[in-house]
Amino acid sequence: FHVFDQGRFAKEVLPKYFKHNNMASFVRQLNMYGFRKVVNIEQGGLVKPERDDTEFQHLCFLQGHEHLLEHIKRKVSVVKSEETKMRQEDLSRLLYEVQILRSQQENMECQVQDMK
C-alpha cells in the first residue's frame, strides 16, 4: 500500500485507528507484522526522498487475495526475558557444579597418586 502524504496520513487517519498520530510508531507496528518499506532503486535508500510518500509491502497483502490476510501475524520473540533469566540462572548453576566436580576429580586423582 502507498501513503502519498505522510503528514496528512498521520494527522487524519492514524488517530482514527490508533491511540497516537505518530508515523514512526505506525511504521514500527508494520515492521512487527512483517511489512517492509519499498526502497526506491534510483535513490538506493540512502537519500531522503523528495516527496512525502512511502510505500509498504507484505507477501500476504495483495489486492483481491483476502484469503492471504490470515497469514499476516505479529512476529513473536523467540525467547522472553523471564525465560532468558531462567536460562542464565540454570547456566550459572551448571557452571558452578562443573567447577565442584572438577575440584573433586582433582582431589581423587591426587588420592589415587598417593595410593600408588
Protein backbone atom coordinates (compact mmCIF):
# COMPACT_ATOMS: atom_id res chain seq x y z
CA PHE A 1 0.00 0.00 0.00
CA HIS A 2 1.08 3.53 -0.67
CA VAL A 3 0.92 6.53 1.68
CA PHE A 4 1.15 9.61 -0.53
CA ASP A 5 1.18 12.27 2.20
CA GLN A 6 2.68 11.03 5.48
CA GLY A 7 1.86 14.21 7.37
CA ARG A 8 -1.79 14.15 6.43
CA PHE A 9 -1.99 10.38 6.98
CA ALA A 10 -0.55 10.75 10.49
CA LYS A 11 -2.83 13.68 11.31
CA GLU A 12 -6.12 12.40 9.87
CA VAL A 13 -6.01 8.61 9.56
CA LEU A 14 -3.83 7.27 12.39
CA PRO A 15 -5.89 8.82 15.25
CA LYS A 16 -8.99 7.06 13.91
CA TYR A 17 -7.44 3.61 14.38
CA PHE A 18 -4.63 4.09 16.93
CA LYS A 19 -4.09 5.92 20.21
CA HIS A 20 -1.44 8.07 18.53
CA ASN A 21 -0.69 10.02 15.39
CA ASN A 22 3.00 9.12 15.22
CA MET A 23 4.09 7.84 11.80
CA ALA A 24 7.27 6.27 13.22
CA SER A 25 5.20 4.22 15.69
CA PHE A 26 2.92 3.11 12.87
CA VAL A 27 5.91 2.01 10.78
CA ARG A 28 7.29 0.11 13.79
CA GLN A 29 3.94 -1.71 14.09
CA LEU A 30 4.01 -2.53 10.37
CA ASN A 31 7.50 -3.99 10.77
CA MET A 32 6.29 -6.20 13.64
CA TYR A 33 3.72 -7.68 11.25
CA GLY A 34 6.26 -8.31 8.51
CA PHE A 35 5.61 -5.28 6.31
CA ARG A 36 8.68 -3.72 4.70
CA LYS A 37 9.23 -0.28 3.24
CA VAL A 38 9.72 -0.30 -0.53
CA VAL A 39 13.00 1.46 -1.29
CA ASN A 40 13.34 3.50 -4.48
CA ILE A 41 16.11 1.92 -6.57
CA GLU A 42 17.29 5.24 -8.04
CA GLN A 43 17.96 6.61 -4.58
CA GLY A 44 19.30 3.35 -3.21
CA GLY A 45 17.57 4.01 0.08
CA LEU A 46 20.40 6.27 1.25
CA VAL A 47 18.96 9.62 0.21
CA LYS A 48 15.79 11.01 1.77
CA PRO A 49 13.09 11.11 -0.92
CA GLU A 50 11.98 14.49 -2.18
CA ARG A 51 8.30 13.58 -1.92
CA ASP A 52 6.47 12.85 1.33
CA ASP A 53 5.23 9.45 0.18
CA THR A 54 6.05 5.95 1.35
CA GLU A 55 5.18 2.52 0.08
CA PHE A 56 4.97 -0.69 2.14
CA GLN A 57 4.62 -4.29 1.07
CA HIS A 58 3.92 -7.70 2.54
CA LEU A 59 3.83 -11.02 0.68
CA CYS A 60 0.34 -11.77 2.01
CA PHE A 61 -1.14 -8.30 1.50
CA LEU A 62 -2.31 -8.45 -2.10
CA GLN A 63 -5.33 -6.86 -3.72
CA GLY A 64 -8.01 -9.44 -4.46
CA HIS A 65 -6.41 -12.10 -2.24
CA GLU A 66 -8.23 -11.61 1.05
CA HIS A 67 -7.68 -15.27 1.96
CA LEU A 68 -3.97 -14.47 2.50
CA LEU A 69 -4.69 -11.91 5.22
CA GLU A 70 -4.92 -14.64 7.87
CA HIS A 71 -1.18 -15.26 7.35
CA ILE A 72 -0.26 -11.75 8.47
CA LYS A 73 0.58 -12.21 12.11
CA ARG A 74 2.63 -10.32 14.64
CA LYS A 75 6.13 -11.67 15.00
CA VAL A 76 6.79 -13.14 18.41
CA SER A 77 10.15 -13.01 20.06
CA VAL A 78 11.79 -16.41 20.27
CA VAL A 79 12.85 -16.07 23.91
CA LYS A 80 11.06 -13.98 26.52
CA SER A 81 13.08 -12.10 29.12
CA GLU A 82 11.96 -14.32 32.04
CA GLU A 83 12.90 -17.43 30.08
CA THR A 84 16.29 -15.87 29.36
CA LYS A 85 16.71 -15.08 33.05
CA MET A 86 15.90 -18.68 33.97
CA ARG A 87 18.35 -19.98 31.39
CA GLN A 88 21.07 -17.68 32.74
CA GLU A 89 20.40 -18.96 36.26
CA ASP A 90 20.49 -22.57 35.03
CA LEU A 91 23.73 -21.92 33.18
CA SER A 92 25.34 -20.32 36.23
CA ARG A 93 24.26 -23.25 38.41
CA LEU A 94 25.63 -25.78 35.90
CA LEU A 95 28.95 -23.98 35.64
CA TYR A 96 29.24 -23.93 39.43
CA GLU A 97 28.50 -27.67 39.58
CA VAL A 98 31.13 -28.35 36.89
CA GLN A 99 33.70 -26.43 38.95
CA ILE A 100 32.85 -28.53 42.02
CA LEU A 101 33.09 -31.78 40.02
CA ARG A 102 36.47 -30.76 38.60
CA SER A 103 37.73 -29.98 42.08
CA GLN A 104 36.51 -33.36 43.36
CA GLN A 105 38.11 -35.12 40.38
CA GLU A 106 41.46 -33.43 41.07
CA ASN A 107 41.26 -34.50 44.72
CA MET A 108 40.51 -38.08 43.73
CA GLU A 109 43.38 -38.10 41.23
CA CYS A 110 45.72 -36.91 44.00
CA GLN A 111 44.46 -39.66 46.30
CA VAL A 112 44.98 -42.28 43.58
CA GLN A 113 48.53 -40.98 43.02
CA ASP A 114 49.20 -41.18 46.76
CA MET A 115 47.93 -44.77 46.86
CA LYS A 116 50.24 -45.79 44.02
